[in-house]
Amino acid sequence: MTENEVLDLMSGAGALLEGHFRLSSGLHSQRYLQCAVALQHPVIAEQLGGALAAKWGAAGHPRPDLVVSPALGGLIIGHETGRGLGVRACFTERVEGVMTLRRGFQLEQGEKILLVEDVITTGRSTQETAVAVDQSGGIPIGVACIANRSGKPHLGDLPLVSLVELDIPTFEPTGCPMCAAGKEIIKPGSRPSRT
C-alpha cells in the first residue's frame, strides 16, 4: 500500500480533518488524522493492519512474538497488525496515570514485542508502553504506526516503520495563527492534552 493509497483511504473515510486542534502534546495544529474514524470500518482496519505487518517484514526487521499497543488509539490497528503477522495482540492502558499491562495480559520473559500505534507525534504513549513491556519481561524490538508525524525514523533506539509520513506543522499556543485569528479549538484524541 503506497502513501497516496493510505491517504486516499483515510480521506475517503473522513479521517483527515481540517480545522484548529489541540494535540495531546499541548501543541496546536490545523490538520488532524483521526484514525478511529477510518478504523471503525473492519475492512479498512484489516487492510491497514495487513499493510503495516507487510511493511515491517519488508523492512527486514525480526518477526515479533507479540504486538502490544497503547490504548486507546493503538488498540484496533495493533490487533489488525497482529492478525497480519500471525501473532497475538494485547494492549496497555493507564492506571493512575501509569501505562500498564492488565486484564490478565502476560508476557513471557524475553518475548520480542512490536509496539503498534495509530499516529506517532511525540511518541509519549508508545514510549510509556515500551517501559511497561520492559518491566513485564518483554523486549521491545520496534515501533509500527499508520502515520508518523515525528519526522524521525526511530523512537528512542527503536526502529520506526509507518505507512505514511505526515509533515503537518504544529504551533505553541502562544504562537498559533489559528488562535490569533480567533478560530475555535477542538481537542480530538483519547489522552488529555498538556496545557
C-alpha atoms as a PDB file:
ATOM      1  CA  MET A   1       0.000   0.000   0.000  1.00  0.00           C
ATOM      2  CA  THR A   2       1.525   3.320  -1.080  1.00  0.00           C
ATOM      3  CA  GLU A   3       1.405   6.540   0.952  1.00  0.00           C
ATOM      4  CA  ASN A   4      -1.084   8.013  -1.529  1.00  0.00           C
ATOM      5  CA  GLU A   5      -3.317   4.951  -1.227  1.00  0.00           C
ATOM      6  CA  VAL A   6      -3.263   5.248   2.573  1.00  0.00           C
ATOM      7  CA  LEU A   7      -4.063   8.976   2.445  1.00  0.00           C
ATOM      8  CA  ASP A   8      -6.851   8.383  -0.108  1.00  0.00           C
ATOM      9  CA  LEU A   9      -8.290   5.658   2.134  1.00  0.00           C
ATOM     10  CA  MET A  10      -8.148   7.961   5.173  1.00  0.00           C
ATOM     11  CA  SER A  11      -9.594  10.947   3.297  1.00  0.00           C
ATOM     12  CA  GLY A  12     -12.353   8.809   1.810  1.00  0.00           C
ATOM     13  CA  ALA A  13     -13.304   7.594   5.281  1.00  0.00           C
ATOM     14  CA  GLY A  14     -13.433  11.172   6.591  1.00  0.00           C
ATOM     15  CA  ALA A  15     -10.423  10.678   8.890  1.00  0.00           C
ATOM     16  CA  LEU A  16      -8.202  13.523   7.631  1.00  0.00           C
ATOM     17  CA  LEU A  17      -9.610  16.626   9.310  1.00  0.00           C
ATOM     18  CA  GLU A  18      -9.018  20.334   8.744  1.00  0.00           C
ATOM     19  CA  GLY A  19      -9.546  22.934  11.473  1.00  0.00           C
ATOM     20  CA  HIS A  20      -7.914  24.048  14.739  1.00  0.00           C
ATOM     21  CA  PHE A  21      -6.844  21.214  17.014  1.00  0.00           C
ATOM     22  CA  ARG A  22      -5.207  20.948  20.445  1.00  0.00           C
ATOM     23  CA  LEU A  23      -2.948  17.884  20.386  1.00  0.00           C
ATOM     24  CA  SER A  24      -2.152  15.671  23.378  1.00  0.00           C
ATOM     25  CA  SER A  25       1.287  17.329  23.498  1.00  0.00           C
ATOM     26  CA  GLY A  26      -0.392  20.700  24.104  1.00  0.00           C
ATOM     27  CA  LEU A  27       0.675  21.936  20.658  1.00  0.00           C
ATOM     28  CA  HIS A  28      -1.859  23.214  18.118  1.00  0.00           C
ATOM     29  CA  SER A  29      -2.342  22.026  14.528  1.00  0.00           C
ATOM     30  CA  GLN A  30      -4.566  22.856  11.566  1.00  0.00           C
ATOM     31  CA  ARG A  31      -4.805  19.250  10.346  1.00  0.00           C
ATOM     32  CA  TYR A  32      -5.537  16.091  12.306  1.00  0.00           C
ATOM     33  CA  LEU A  33      -5.631  12.433  11.350  1.00  0.00           C
ATOM     34  CA  GLN A  34      -8.466  10.848  13.347  1.00  0.00           C
ATOM     35  CA  CYS A  35      -7.638   7.203  12.631  1.00  0.00           C
ATOM     36  CA  ALA A  36     -10.584   5.915  14.677  1.00  0.00           C
ATOM     37  CA  VAL A  37     -12.959   7.252  12.010  1.00  0.00           C
ATOM     38  CA  ALA A  38     -11.307   5.004   9.410  1.00  0.00           C
ATOM     39  CA  LEU A  39     -10.638   2.073  11.767  1.00  0.00           C
ATOM     40  CA  GLN A  40     -14.326   1.815  12.675  1.00  0.00           C
ATOM     41  CA  HIS A  41     -14.664   0.032   9.327  1.00  0.00           C
ATOM     42  CA  PRO A  42     -13.348  -3.536   9.787  1.00  0.00           C
ATOM     43  CA  VAL A  43     -12.352  -3.865   6.112  1.00  0.00           C
ATOM     44  CA  ILE A  44     -10.216  -0.698   6.289  1.00  0.00           C
ATOM     45  CA  ALA A  45      -8.724  -1.742   9.642  1.00  0.00           C
ATOM     46  CA  GLU A  46      -7.772  -5.140   8.217  1.00  0.00           C
ATOM     47  CA  GLN A  47      -6.213  -3.536   5.119  1.00  0.00           C
ATOM     48  CA  LEU A  48      -4.141  -1.089   7.151  1.00  0.00           C
ATOM     49  CA  GLY A  49      -3.052  -3.716   9.689  1.00  0.00           C
ATOM     50  CA  GLY A  50      -2.054  -6.113   6.922  1.00  0.00           C
ATOM     51  CA  ALA A  51      -0.132  -3.378   5.124  1.00  0.00           C
ATOM     52  CA  LEU A  52       1.673  -2.426   8.347  1.00  0.00           C
ATOM     53  CA  ALA A  53       2.592  -6.061   9.057  1.00  0.00           C
ATOM     54  CA  ALA A  54       3.888  -6.436   5.486  1.00  0.00           C
ATOM     55  CA  LYS A  55       5.906  -3.208   5.693  1.00  0.00           C
ATOM     56  CA  TRP A  56       7.509  -4.296   8.990  1.00  0.00           C
ATOM     57  CA  GLY A  57       8.582  -7.594   7.407  1.00  0.00           C
ATOM     58  CA  ALA A  58       9.709  -5.986   4.147  1.00  0.00           C
ATOM     59  CA  ALA A  59      11.994  -3.645   6.119  1.00  0.00           C
ATOM     60  CA  GLY A  60      13.958  -6.713   7.234  1.00  0.00           C
ATOM     61  CA  HIS A  61      13.103  -6.404  10.914  1.00  0.00           C
ATOM     62  CA  PRO A  62      12.760  -9.554  13.052  1.00  0.00           C
ATOM     63  CA  ARG A  63       9.350 -11.155  13.388  1.00  0.00           C
ATOM     64  CA  PRO A  64       7.806 -10.280  16.755  1.00  0.00           C
ATOM     65  CA  ASP A  65       6.295 -12.796  19.134  1.00  0.00           C
ATOM     66  CA  LEU A  66       3.587 -10.355  20.114  1.00  0.00           C
ATOM     67  CA  VAL A  67       2.136  -6.924  19.330  1.00  0.00           C
ATOM     68  CA  VAL A  68       1.443  -4.506  22.190  1.00  0.00           C
ATOM     69  CA  SER A  69      -0.364  -1.196  21.687  1.00  0.00           C
ATOM     70  CA  PRO A  70      -1.260   1.733  23.921  1.00  0.00           C
ATOM     71  CA  ALA A  71      -4.995   2.084  24.433  1.00  0.00           C
ATOM     72  CA  LEU A  72      -6.998   3.686  23.124  1.00  0.00           C
ATOM     73  CA  GLY A  73      -5.634   4.855  19.782  1.00  0.00           C
ATOM     74  CA  GLY A  74      -3.408   1.863  19.058  1.00  0.00           C
ATOM     75  CA  LEU A  75      -5.849  -0.852  20.085  1.00  0.00           C
ATOM     76  CA  ILE A  76      -7.593  -1.603  16.755  1.00  0.00           C
ATOM     77  CA  ILE A  77      -4.554  -1.156  14.497  1.00  0.00           C
ATOM     78  CA  GLY A  78      -2.468  -3.240  16.917  1.00  0.00           C
ATOM     79  CA  HIS A  79      -4.998  -6.058  16.757  1.00  0.00           C
ATOM     80  CA  GLU A  80      -5.089  -5.982  12.955  1.00  0.00           C
ATOM     81  CA  THR A  81      -1.290  -5.793  12.677  1.00  0.00           C
ATOM     82  CA  GLY A  82      -1.090  -8.800  14.987  1.00  0.00           C
ATOM     83  CA  ARG A  83      -3.500 -10.598  12.657  1.00  0.00           C
ATOM     84  CA  GLY A  84      -1.332  -9.690   9.668  1.00  0.00           C
ATOM     85  CA  LEU A  85       1.776 -11.008  11.424  1.00  0.00           C
ATOM     86  CA  GLY A  86       0.017 -14.105  12.745  1.00  0.00           C
ATOM     87  CA  VAL A  87       0.777 -13.243  16.392  1.00  0.00           C
ATOM     88  CA  ARG A  88      -1.359 -12.322  19.383  1.00  0.00           C
ATOM     89  CA  ALA A  89      -2.034  -8.700  20.235  1.00  0.00           C
ATOM     90  CA  CYS A  90      -2.688  -7.037  23.580  1.00  0.00           C
ATOM     91  CA  PHE A  91      -2.666  -3.505  24.921  1.00  0.00           C
ATOM     92  CA  THR A  92      -1.617  -1.269  27.763  1.00  0.00           C
ATOM     93  CA  GLU A  93      -3.789   1.280  29.499  1.00  0.00           C
ATOM     94  CA  ARG A  94      -3.258   3.964  32.094  1.00  0.00           C
ATOM     95  CA  VAL A  95      -3.810   3.052  35.732  1.00  0.00           C
ATOM     96  CA  GLU A  96      -3.446   6.117  37.939  1.00  0.00           C
ATOM     97  CA  GLY A  97      -1.503   7.802  35.151  1.00  0.00           C
ATOM     98  CA  VAL A  98       0.918   4.904  34.517  1.00  0.00           C
ATOM     99  CA  MET A  99       0.785   2.780  31.351  1.00  0.00           C
ATOM    100  CA  THR A 100       0.197  -0.800  32.494  1.00  0.00           C
ATOM    101  CA  LEU A 101      -0.481  -4.275  31.140  1.00  0.00           C
ATOM    102  CA  ARG A 102      -3.612  -5.545  32.884  1.00  0.00           C
ATOM    103  CA  ARG A 103      -6.780  -7.551  32.120  1.00  0.00           C
ATOM    104  CA  GLY A 104      -4.772 -10.737  32.526  1.00  0.00           C
ATOM    105  CA  PHE A 105      -2.276  -9.944  29.745  1.00  0.00           C
ATOM    106  CA  GLN A 106       1.031 -11.683  30.462  1.00  0.00           C
ATOM    107  CA  LEU A 107       4.338 -11.561  28.632  1.00  0.00           C
ATOM    108  CA  GLU A 108       6.808 -14.428  28.573  1.00  0.00           C
ATOM    109  CA  GLN A 109      10.332 -13.475  29.621  1.00  0.00           C
ATOM    110  CA  GLY A 110      12.297 -12.426  26.528  1.00  0.00           C
ATOM    111  CA  GLU A 111       9.343 -12.247  24.113  1.00  0.00           C
ATOM    112  CA  LYS A 112      10.063  -9.887  21.203  1.00  0.00           C
ATOM    113  CA  ILE A 113       7.442  -7.140  21.141  1.00  0.00           C
ATOM    114  CA  LEU A 114       6.415  -4.877  18.273  1.00  0.00           C
ATOM    115  CA  LEU A 115       4.798  -1.691  19.602  1.00  0.00           C
ATOM    116  CA  VAL A 116       1.950  -0.559  17.341  1.00  0.00           C
ATOM    117  CA  GLU A 117       0.220   2.837  17.421  1.00  0.00           C
ATOM    118  CA  ASP A 118      -2.129   4.719  15.125  1.00  0.00           C
ATOM    119  CA  VAL A 119      -0.219   8.035  14.957  1.00  0.00           C
ATOM    120  CA  ILE A 120       3.206   8.902  16.378  1.00  0.00           C
ATOM    121  CA  THR A 121       3.722  12.603  17.114  1.00  0.00           C
ATOM    122  CA  THR A 122       5.876  12.873  20.227  1.00  0.00           C
ATOM    123  CA  GLY A 123       5.762   9.111  20.866  1.00  0.00           C
ATOM    124  CA  ARG A 124       4.980   9.579  24.553  1.00  0.00           C
ATOM    125  CA  SER A 125       2.286   6.859  24.834  1.00  0.00           C
ATOM    126  CA  THR A 126       4.396   4.409  22.864  1.00  0.00           C
ATOM    127  CA  GLN A 127       7.480   5.094  24.997  1.00  0.00           C
ATOM    128  CA  GLU A 128       5.383   4.540  28.124  1.00  0.00           C
ATOM    129  CA  THR A 129       4.161   1.264  26.603  1.00  0.00           C
ATOM    130  CA  ALA A 130       7.775   0.240  25.940  1.00  0.00           C
ATOM    131  CA  VAL A 131       8.533   0.785  29.643  1.00  0.00           C
ATOM    132  CA  ALA A 132       5.535  -1.363  30.647  1.00  0.00           C
ATOM    133  CA  VAL A 133       6.653  -4.106  28.230  1.00  0.00           C
ATOM    134  CA  ASP A 134      10.213  -3.988  29.551  1.00  0.00           C
ATOM    135  CA  GLN A 135       9.028  -4.166  33.160  1.00  0.00           C
ATOM    136  CA  SER A 136       6.878  -7.189  32.253  1.00  0.00           C
ATOM    137  CA  GLY A 137       9.827  -9.130  30.810  1.00  0.00           C
ATOM    138  CA  GLY A 138       9.274  -8.396  27.122  1.00  0.00           C
ATOM    139  CA  ILE A 139      11.838  -6.948  24.730  1.00  0.00           C
ATOM    140  CA  PRO A 140      10.612  -4.060  22.543  1.00  0.00           C
ATOM    141  CA  ILE A 141      12.085  -4.549  19.056  1.00  0.00           C
ATOM    142  CA  GLY A 142      10.458  -1.683  17.182  1.00  0.00           C
ATOM    143  CA  VAL A 143       7.513   0.574  16.531  1.00  0.00           C
ATOM    144  CA  ALA A 144       4.979   0.466  13.708  1.00  0.00           C
ATOM    145  CA  CYS A 145       2.269   3.058  13.078  1.00  0.00           C
ATOM    146  CA  ILE A 146      -0.179   4.176  10.445  1.00  0.00           C
ATOM    147  CA  ALA A 147       1.148   7.733  10.404  1.00  0.00           C
ATOM    148  CA  ASN A 148       4.457   9.166  11.599  1.00  0.00           C
ATOM    149  CA  ARG A 149       4.229  12.884  12.442  1.00  0.00           C
ATOM    150  CA  SER A 150       7.518  12.901  14.355  1.00  0.00           C
ATOM    151  CA  GLY A 151       9.758  13.243  11.300  1.00  0.00           C
ATOM    152  CA  LYS A 152      12.119  10.654  12.811  1.00  0.00           C
ATOM    153  CA  PRO A 153      12.999   7.125  11.640  1.00  0.00           C
ATOM    154  CA  HIS A 154      13.365   5.905  15.241  1.00  0.00           C
ATOM    155  CA  LEU A 155      11.578   6.267  18.550  1.00  0.00           C
ATOM    156  CA  GLY A 156      14.390   6.366  21.060  1.00  0.00           C
ATOM    157  CA  ASP A 157      16.610   3.485  19.943  1.00  0.00           C
ATOM    158  CA  LEU A 158      13.734   1.529  18.327  1.00  0.00           C
ATOM    159  CA  PRO A 159      13.260   1.456  14.540  1.00  0.00           C
ATOM    160  CA  LEU A 160      10.011   3.051  13.413  1.00  0.00           C
ATOM    161  CA  VAL A 161       8.017   1.887  10.383  1.00  0.00           C
ATOM    162  CA  SER A 162       4.951   3.790   9.158  1.00  0.00           C
ATOM    163  CA  LEU A 163       2.530   3.632   6.263  1.00  0.00           C
ATOM    164  CA  VAL A 164       2.641   7.384   5.770  1.00  0.00           C
ATOM    165  CA  GLU A 165       4.889  10.264   6.847  1.00  0.00           C
ATOM    166  CA  LEU A 166       2.867  13.362   7.718  1.00  0.00           C
ATOM    167  CA  ASP A 167       4.543  16.757   7.788  1.00  0.00           C
ATOM    168  CA  ILE A 168       1.839  18.814   9.473  1.00  0.00           C
ATOM    169  CA  PRO A 169       3.098  21.991  11.171  1.00  0.00           C
ATOM    170  CA  THR A 170       2.395  22.366  14.883  1.00  0.00           C
ATOM    171  CA  PHE A 171       2.365  25.549  16.925  1.00  0.00           C
ATOM    172  CA  GLU A 172       2.878  26.541  20.538  1.00  0.00           C
ATOM    173  CA  PRO A 173      -0.401  28.036  21.805  1.00  0.00           C
ATOM    174  CA  THR A 174       1.258  31.458  22.208  1.00  0.00           C
ATOM    175  CA  GLY A 175       2.333  31.475  18.550  1.00  0.00           C
ATOM    176  CA  CYS A 176      -0.649  29.737  16.969  1.00  0.00           C
ATOM    177  CA  PRO A 177      -2.058  31.581  13.915  1.00  0.00           C
ATOM    178  CA  MET A 178      -5.473  29.910  14.357  1.00  0.00           C
ATOM    179  CA  CYS A 179      -5.654  31.213  17.957  1.00  0.00           C
ATOM    180  CA  ALA A 180      -4.639  34.663  16.733  1.00  0.00           C
ATOM    181  CA  ALA A 181      -7.467  34.516  14.175  1.00  0.00           C
ATOM    182  CA  GLY A 182      -9.925  33.540  16.931  1.00  0.00           C
ATOM    183  CA  LYS A 183     -10.748  30.111  15.475  1.00  0.00           C
ATOM    184  CA  GLU A 184     -12.496  27.697  17.807  1.00  0.00           C
ATOM    185  CA  ILE A 185     -10.222  24.901  19.034  1.00  0.00           C
ATOM    186  CA  ILE A 186     -11.117  21.200  19.210  1.00  0.00           C
ATOM    187  CA  LYS A 187      -9.409  18.561  21.385  1.00  0.00           C
ATOM    188  CA  PRO A 188      -9.559  15.257  19.473  1.00  0.00           C
ATOM    189  CA  GLY A 189      -7.913  12.004  20.580  1.00  0.00           C
ATOM    190  CA  SER A 190      -8.163   9.963  23.751  1.00  0.00           C
ATOM    191  CA  ARG A 191      -5.426  11.379  26.002  1.00  0.00           C
ATOM    192  CA  PRO A 192      -5.868  14.667  27.880  1.00  0.00           C
ATOM    193  CA  SER A 193      -3.677  17.352  26.403  1.00  0.00           C
ATOM    194  CA  ARG A 194      -0.904  19.103  28.271  1.00  0.00           C
ATOM    195  CA  THR A 195      -1.858  22.717  28.747  1.00  0.00           C
END
